[in-house]
Amino acid sequence: MLLSFLSPFLFFLMVVGIRYYQTDPYFDFGPYPNYSWKYNFQILGDLSTKKLLESDKNYNSFIFGSSRSTAYYACYLEHQLPGSRFFHFASWTESIGGMEKRFRLIDSLGMHAANVFFIIDPDFTFLNDGSISPMDHYLLTGKSRFTYLAEQHFKQFLDKPSRDKTAIFSGQLPSGATLVNWSSDLRTNDANHTCSPEVLDAYKINKPISDSLRRKLYESGAMHPRSGIVKYLPDQISKSEEFSLMAISDLIRKHHSNCRVIINPAYEQVKLSRRDSLLLRKYLGNFIYDFSGINRFTLNERNYTDGKHFQHHTGKEILDEVFKGNRNNVSRN
């Protein structure tokens, strides 16, 4: 009787499970030729990890950072560093602990890290005590594969029905203004472009935001007038984050990595505290390029697409400063 009572529910669950497996919204049951973000509820770090695990490319160089790191093109770094083969190993939001775990994974896979770029957001990288997103890949979070598949993905997918998810189950791509159809380069994992000579030519082109978009950003509060005064952030690096920096330092020495650290130009013109800057230098070396505070990049608000992210051509200009060796002297303090 119990089985008879439950049979409709079990049948429904079986049909849903089969359809979920077929459509595979989180790319869990690959392999796939590419792991590009397709739906707006996916975690970039999770997809990047899957892409790295399935790749047969012999990477020897890596970029670590948040979504702001997408302004730094791996293909441009390869152009500047002959013999390098870069993988852009970023997440939407990234902590220093997340960067450490990604570096550890690279090491455990037997990959060599000849070049490593750590992209630091002065206003975000040290916010969450080094905690990695709980929705990231299970090899990074330490969760079991079952928990990752059953609870983190399948249960979450069913918890909040939406038009997008209905479209996925019907075999269609979701539609709507909230979706960006994010795509990534098959080899480098660069966001929103496929590396080519044409892309590198366009990388240097300044594409400032329009006046209409700028007005909308002001109206929404995403952008606003800045004070023009450097605002030092309070000390942020906790003891656990210092342990992450220490672990990264050990991996850099193990791989004899050429390490460069870029501190991003934040729209709010904030700057890391002197203590935190000294800790970065202590563990990650002297090649630290500080573009926070007030400088030619942060003074021009048209370098930003919103109150967080900056234009891609700005990323190229920053990399050019890095390769000129202009470190710690770009900010007006």
Protein backbone atom coordinates (compact mmCIF):
# COMPACT_ATOMS: atom_id res chain seq x y z
CA MET A 1 0.00 0.00 0.00
CA LEU A 2 2.83 2.36 0.86
CA LEU A 3 4.53 1.60 -2.46
CA SER A 4 1.24 2.17 -4.28
CA PHE A 5 0.79 5.47 -2.49
CA LEU A 6 4.33 6.64 -3.26
CA SER A 7 4.53 5.33 -6.81
CA PRO A 8 3.27 8.54 -8.51
CA PHE A 9 5.80 10.61 -6.58
CA LEU A 10 8.61 8.11 -7.28
CA PHE A 11 7.68 8.05 -10.96
CA PHE A 12 7.71 11.86 -11.09
CA LEU A 13 11.06 11.97 -9.30
CA MET A 14 12.49 9.40 -11.71
CA VAL A 15 11.31 11.38 -14.76
CA VAL A 16 12.71 14.60 -13.31
CA GLY A 17 16.00 12.87 -12.47
CA ILE A 18 16.38 11.45 -15.96
CA ARG A 19 15.58 14.81 -17.55
CA TYR A 20 18.00 16.54 -15.17
CA TYR A 21 20.74 14.10 -16.17
CA GLN A 22 20.01 14.62 -19.86
CA THR A 23 20.03 18.40 -19.74
CA ASP A 24 22.86 18.51 -17.14
CA PRO A 25 22.48 22.20 -16.24
CA TYR A 26 25.63 22.25 -14.10
CA PHE A 27 27.80 20.29 -16.54
CA ASP A 28 28.27 17.54 -13.93
CA PHE A 29 28.02 14.53 -16.23
CA GLY A 30 30.44 15.49 -19.04
CA PRO A 31 32.93 15.59 -20.53
CA TYR A 32 32.06 18.59 -22.69
CA PRO A 33 34.09 20.39 -25.33
CA ASN A 34 33.85 23.57 -23.25
CA TYR A 35 32.58 24.58 -19.83
CA SER A 36 31.26 28.07 -20.46
CA TRP A 37 28.73 29.71 -18.19
CA LYS A 38 25.31 29.16 -19.72
CA TYR A 39 22.82 29.84 -16.93
CA ASN A 40 22.74 32.72 -14.50
CA PHE A 41 22.87 30.61 -11.34
CA GLN A 42 26.17 28.88 -12.03
CA ILE A 43 29.47 29.41 -10.24
CA LEU A 44 32.33 30.40 -12.51
CA GLY A 45 34.92 28.83 -10.20
CA ASP A 46 33.11 25.47 -10.39
CA LEU A 47 33.01 25.55 -14.20
CA SER A 48 36.63 26.70 -14.42
CA THR A 49 37.68 23.78 -12.22
CA LYS A 50 35.80 21.27 -14.38
CA LYS A 51 37.35 22.77 -17.48
CA LEU A 52 40.84 22.46 -16.00
CA LEU A 53 40.24 18.84 -14.92
CA GLU A 54 39.01 17.82 -18.38
CA SER A 55 41.65 19.72 -20.33
CA ASP A 56 44.57 17.96 -21.98
CA LYS A 57 46.46 21.26 -22.36
CA ASN A 58 49.92 21.42 -20.83
CA TYR A 59 49.44 24.58 -18.77
CA ASN A 60 52.38 26.19 -17.03
CA SER A 61 50.94 29.58 -16.05
CA PHE A 62 47.84 30.70 -14.16
CA ILE A 63 45.73 33.77 -13.33
CA PHE A 64 43.88 33.78 -10.00
CA GLY A 65 41.21 36.33 -9.13
CA SER A 66 37.56 37.38 -9.13
CA SER A 67 35.34 38.49 -12.01
CA ARG A 68 37.42 41.67 -12.15
CA SER A 69 40.36 39.59 -13.34
CA THR A 70 38.56 39.03 -16.65
CA ALA A 71 39.98 42.40 -17.75
CA TYR A 72 43.39 40.70 -17.89
CA TYR A 73 43.61 38.52 -20.98
CA ALA A 74 45.56 35.27 -20.68
CA CYS A 75 46.28 35.44 -24.40
CA TYR A 76 47.89 38.86 -23.94
CA LEU A 77 50.05 37.51 -21.12
CA GLU A 78 51.16 34.69 -23.41
CA HIS A 79 52.10 37.34 -25.97
CA GLN A 80 54.19 39.12 -23.33
CA LEU A 81 55.73 35.95 -21.85
CA PRO A 82 56.89 33.67 -24.70
CA GLY A 83 56.61 29.99 -23.86
CA SER A 84 53.86 30.52 -21.31
CA ARG A 85 50.57 28.59 -21.55
CA PHE A 86 48.02 30.34 -19.36
CA PHE A 87 44.81 29.13 -17.76
CA HIS A 88 42.50 31.80 -16.33
CA PHE A 89 41.50 30.10 -13.07
CA ALA A 90 39.05 32.63 -11.67
CA SER A 91 35.71 32.70 -9.88
CA TRP A 92 32.93 35.31 -9.74
CA THR A 93 33.84 36.17 -6.18
CA GLU A 94 37.18 35.01 -4.88
CA SER A 95 38.95 35.10 -1.55
CA ILE A 96 42.63 34.60 -0.86
CA GLY A 97 41.65 31.21 0.57
CA GLY A 98 40.00 30.32 -2.74
CA MET A 99 43.17 31.26 -4.61
CA GLU A 100 45.18 29.07 -2.26
CA LYS A 101 42.88 26.07 -2.85
CA ARG A 102 43.08 26.50 -6.63
CA PHE A 103 46.87 26.66 -6.46
CA ARG A 104 46.87 23.53 -4.28
CA LEU A 105 44.70 21.71 -6.83
CA ILE A 106 47.09 22.66 -9.63
CA ASP A 107 49.97 21.29 -7.55
CA SER A 108 48.09 18.05 -6.78
CA LEU A 109 47.44 17.52 -10.51
CA GLY A 110 51.18 17.60 -11.17
CA MET A 111 51.01 20.78 -13.22
CA HIS A 112 53.91 23.21 -13.21
CA ALA A 113 53.23 26.84 -12.33
CA ALA A 114 56.08 28.77 -13.93
CA ASN A 115 54.07 32.01 -13.90
CA VAL A 116 51.33 32.99 -11.46
CA PHE A 117 49.34 36.22 -11.38
CA PHE A 118 47.32 36.99 -8.25
CA ILE A 119 44.67 39.66 -8.86
CA ILE A 120 43.76 41.31 -5.56
CA ASP A 121 40.59 43.36 -5.02
CA PRO A 122 41.42 45.72 -2.14
CA ASP A 123 37.75 45.92 -1.19
CA PHE A 124 36.88 42.25 -1.49
CA THR A 125 39.69 39.64 -1.52
CA PHE A 126 40.07 39.73 2.28
CA LEU A 127 36.43 40.28 3.23
CA ASN A 128 35.30 36.77 4.19
CA ASP A 129 38.18 35.47 6.28
CA GLY A 130 39.52 33.44 3.36
CA SER A 131 36.40 31.32 2.96
CA ILE A 132 35.80 29.84 -0.48
CA SER A 133 32.28 29.89 -1.89
CA PRO A 134 30.34 26.86 -0.54
CA MET A 135 28.95 26.42 -4.07
CA ASP A 136 32.37 25.86 -5.61
CA HIS A 137 33.75 22.52 -6.83
CA TYR A 138 33.87 19.74 -4.25
CA LEU A 139 37.61 19.23 -4.74
CA LEU A 140 38.07 22.78 -3.46
CA THR A 141 35.41 22.91 -0.73
CA GLY A 142 36.21 19.47 0.69
CA LYS A 143 32.61 18.25 0.37
CA SER A 144 31.79 14.75 -0.81
CA ARG A 145 30.91 14.25 -4.45
CA PHE A 146 27.45 13.01 -3.39
CA THR A 147 26.73 16.18 -1.38
CA TYR A 148 28.01 18.27 -4.27
CA LEU A 149 25.77 16.55 -6.84
CA ALA A 150 22.67 15.80 -4.76
CA GLU A 151 22.34 18.83 -2.50
CA GLN A 152 24.49 21.55 -3.98
CA HIS A 153 23.16 21.08 -7.51
CA PHE A 154 20.13 18.79 -7.90
CA LYS A 155 18.27 19.94 -4.77
CA GLN A 156 19.06 23.60 -5.39
CA PHE A 157 17.90 23.32 -8.98
CA LEU A 158 14.51 21.95 -7.88
CA ASP A 159 14.11 24.24 -4.84
CA LYS A 160 13.24 27.41 -6.73
CA PRO A 161 11.38 26.82 -10.00
CA SER A 162 11.76 29.51 -12.62
CA ARG A 163 11.17 30.15 -16.30
CA ASP A 164 14.86 29.62 -16.96
CA LYS A 165 14.82 26.19 -15.37
CA THR A 166 11.64 25.24 -17.23
CA ALA A 167 13.38 26.21 -20.47
CA ILE A 168 16.37 24.07 -19.54
CA PHE A 169 14.16 21.05 -18.90
CA SER A 170 12.47 21.53 -22.26
CA GLY A 171 15.85 21.48 -23.98
CA GLN A 172 15.95 25.20 -24.77
CA LEU A 173 18.32 27.94 -23.71
CA PRO A 174 16.90 30.36 -21.16
CA SER A 175 16.05 33.76 -22.53
CA GLY A 176 15.86 37.16 -20.93
CA ALA A 177 17.90 40.22 -20.14
CA THR A 178 19.43 38.66 -17.03
CA LEU A 179 21.36 36.08 -19.06
CA VAL A 180 24.61 36.99 -20.73
CA ASN A 181 25.37 33.76 -22.61
CA TRP A 182 28.85 33.95 -21.14
CA SER A 183 31.44 32.17 -23.24
CA SER A 184 35.07 31.38 -22.69
CA ASP A 185 38.12 30.60 -24.75
CA LEU A 186 38.47 26.84 -25.04
CA ARG A 187 42.15 26.84 -24.15
CA THR A 188 42.85 29.82 -21.87
CA ASN A 189 39.41 30.10 -20.23
CA ASP A 190 39.42 33.84 -20.91
CA ALA A 191 35.93 35.28 -20.55
CA ASN A 192 33.76 36.64 -23.36
CA HIS A 193 36.22 36.17 -26.20
CA THR A 194 38.12 33.57 -28.16
CA CYS A 195 41.79 34.44 -28.35
CA SER A 196 42.92 35.60 -31.79
CA PRO A 197 45.11 38.32 -33.35
CA GLU A 198 41.95 40.38 -33.87
CA VAL A 199 41.10 40.12 -30.16
CA LEU A 200 44.58 41.29 -29.22
CA ASP A 201 44.27 44.24 -31.63
CA ALA A 202 40.92 45.20 -30.09
CA TYR A 203 42.27 44.79 -26.55
CA LYS A 204 43.99 48.18 -26.70
CA ILE A 205 40.90 50.05 -27.89
CA ASN A 206 39.29 52.38 -25.38
CA LYS A 207 35.53 51.82 -25.25
CA PRO A 208 34.23 54.24 -22.62
CA ILE A 209 30.69 53.84 -21.36
CA SER A 210 28.07 56.00 -23.01
CA ASP A 211 26.59 59.06 -21.33
CA SER A 212 23.18 57.35 -21.15
CA LEU A 213 24.61 54.30 -19.36
CA ARG A 214 26.60 56.56 -17.06
CA ARG A 215 23.41 58.40 -16.11
CA LYS A 216 21.64 55.12 -15.39
CA LEU A 217 24.52 53.99 -13.19
CA TYR A 218 24.33 57.26 -11.26
CA GLU A 219 20.58 56.94 -10.89
CA SER A 220 20.92 53.39 -9.56
CA GLY A 221 23.65 54.38 -7.13
CA ALA A 222 26.23 52.06 -8.70
CA MET A 223 28.30 55.14 -9.51
CA HIS A 224 28.59 58.40 -7.63
CA PRO A 225 31.03 61.28 -7.22
CA ARG A 226 34.20 60.34 -5.34
CA SER A 227 35.81 62.52 -2.68
CA GLY A 228 39.23 62.63 -4.34
CA ILE A 229 40.80 61.67 -1.02
CA VAL A 230 42.64 58.36 -0.59
CA LYS A 231 40.76 56.16 1.88
CA TYR A 232 42.92 53.52 3.52
CA LEU A 233 40.98 50.40 4.40
CA PRO A 234 41.23 49.01 7.93
CA ASP A 235 43.51 46.03 8.47
CA GLN A 236 41.74 43.10 6.82
CA ILE A 237 44.09 40.11 6.65
CA SER A 238 43.10 37.70 9.42
CA LYS A 239 45.24 34.97 10.90
CA SER A 240 43.58 32.32 8.71
CA GLU A 241 44.15 34.47 5.62
CA GLU A 242 47.78 34.87 6.65
CA PHE A 243 48.01 31.07 6.74
CA SER A 244 46.65 31.02 3.18
CA LEU A 245 49.31 33.52 2.12
CA MET A 246 51.92 31.35 3.81
CA ALA A 247 50.69 28.26 1.94
CA ILE A 248 50.73 30.17 -1.36
CA SER A 249 54.29 31.30 -0.58
CA ASP A 250 55.34 27.68 -0.05
CA LEU A 251 53.81 26.67 -3.39
CA ILE A 252 55.54 29.56 -5.16
CA ARG A 253 58.89 28.35 -3.82
CA LYS A 254 58.10 24.72 -4.68
CA HIS A 255 57.29 25.61 -8.30
CA HIS A 256 59.95 28.33 -8.57
CA SER A 257 57.10 30.49 -9.86
CA ASN A 258 57.53 33.89 -11.40
CA CYS A 259 54.91 35.57 -9.21
CA ARG A 260 53.25 38.92 -9.85
CA VAL A 261 50.57 40.46 -7.68
CA ILE A 262 48.26 43.14 -9.07
CA ILE A 263 46.18 45.18 -6.62
CA ASN A 264 43.22 46.35 -8.67
CA PRO A 265 42.11 49.96 -9.08
CA ALA A 266 38.88 50.10 -7.07
CA TYR A 267 36.20 52.57 -8.18
CA GLU A 268 35.87 53.78 -4.57
CA GLN A 269 39.59 54.71 -4.67
CA VAL A 270 40.25 52.68 -1.51
CA LYS A 271 43.69 51.35 -0.69
CA LEU A 272 44.93 48.41 1.35
CA SER A 273 46.23 49.26 4.80
CA ARG A 274 49.99 49.53 5.17
CA ARG A 275 50.00 46.44 7.38
CA ASP A 276 48.17 44.35 4.78
CA SER A 277 50.46 45.61 2.01
CA LEU A 278 53.49 44.57 4.08
CA LEU A 279 52.00 41.11 4.65
CA LEU A 280 51.46 40.68 0.90
CA ARG A 281 55.08 41.63 0.31
CA LYS A 282 56.26 39.33 3.08
CA TYR A 283 54.61 36.24 1.61
CA LEU A 284 54.23 36.93 -2.12
CA GLY A 285 57.46 38.77 -2.84
CA ASN A 286 58.48 42.17 -4.12
CA PHE A 287 56.69 42.08 -7.48
CA ILE A 288 53.55 43.75 -6.20
CA TYR A 289 51.90 46.31 -8.44
CA ASP A 290 49.57 48.57 -6.50
CA PHE A 291 46.92 50.33 -8.60
CA SER A 292 44.56 51.04 -5.71
CA GLY A 293 44.00 54.47 -4.22
CA ILE A 294 44.03 57.50 -6.50
CA ASN A 295 45.83 57.36 -9.84
CA ARG A 296 45.16 57.90 -13.53
CA PHE A 297 43.04 54.74 -13.68
CA THR A 298 40.75 55.47 -10.74
CA LEU A 299 40.46 59.21 -11.45
CA ASN A 300 38.69 58.51 -14.75
CA GLU A 301 35.33 56.97 -13.89
CA ARG A 302 34.76 56.18 -17.57
CA ASN A 303 37.30 53.41 -17.12
CA TYR A 304 34.58 51.54 -15.23
CA THR A 305 31.56 49.64 -16.54
CA ASP A 306 29.85 49.87 -13.14
CA GLY A 307 30.88 50.58 -9.58
CA LYS A 308 33.09 47.46 -9.45
CA HIS A 309 34.46 46.35 -12.81
CA PHE A 310 36.80 48.25 -15.08
CA GLN A 311 37.13 48.28 -18.86
CA HIS A 312 39.20 45.65 -20.60
CA HIS A 313 41.44 48.22 -22.25
CA THR A 314 42.20 49.44 -18.70
CA GLY A 315 43.34 45.90 -17.87
CA LYS A 316 45.72 46.01 -20.81
CA GLU A 317 47.14 49.37 -19.73
CA ILE A 318 47.71 47.96 -16.25
CA LEU A 319 49.51 44.91 -17.65
CA ASP A 320 51.67 47.20 -19.76
CA GLU A 321 52.65 49.06 -16.59
CA VAL A 322 53.45 45.73 -14.95
CA PHE A 323 55.74 44.66 -17.77
CA LYS A 324 57.46 48.04 -17.67
CA GLY A 325 58.25 47.26 -14.06
CA ASN A 326 56.31 50.22 -12.66
CA ARG A 327 55.45 48.90 -9.23
CA ASN A 328 54.28 50.70 -6.12
CA ASN A 329 54.62 54.11 -7.76
CA VAL A 330 51.40 54.56 -9.69
CA SER A 331 49.20 55.80 -6.85
CA ARG A 332 49.03 59.39 -5.71
CA ASN A 333 49.06 58.96 -1.92
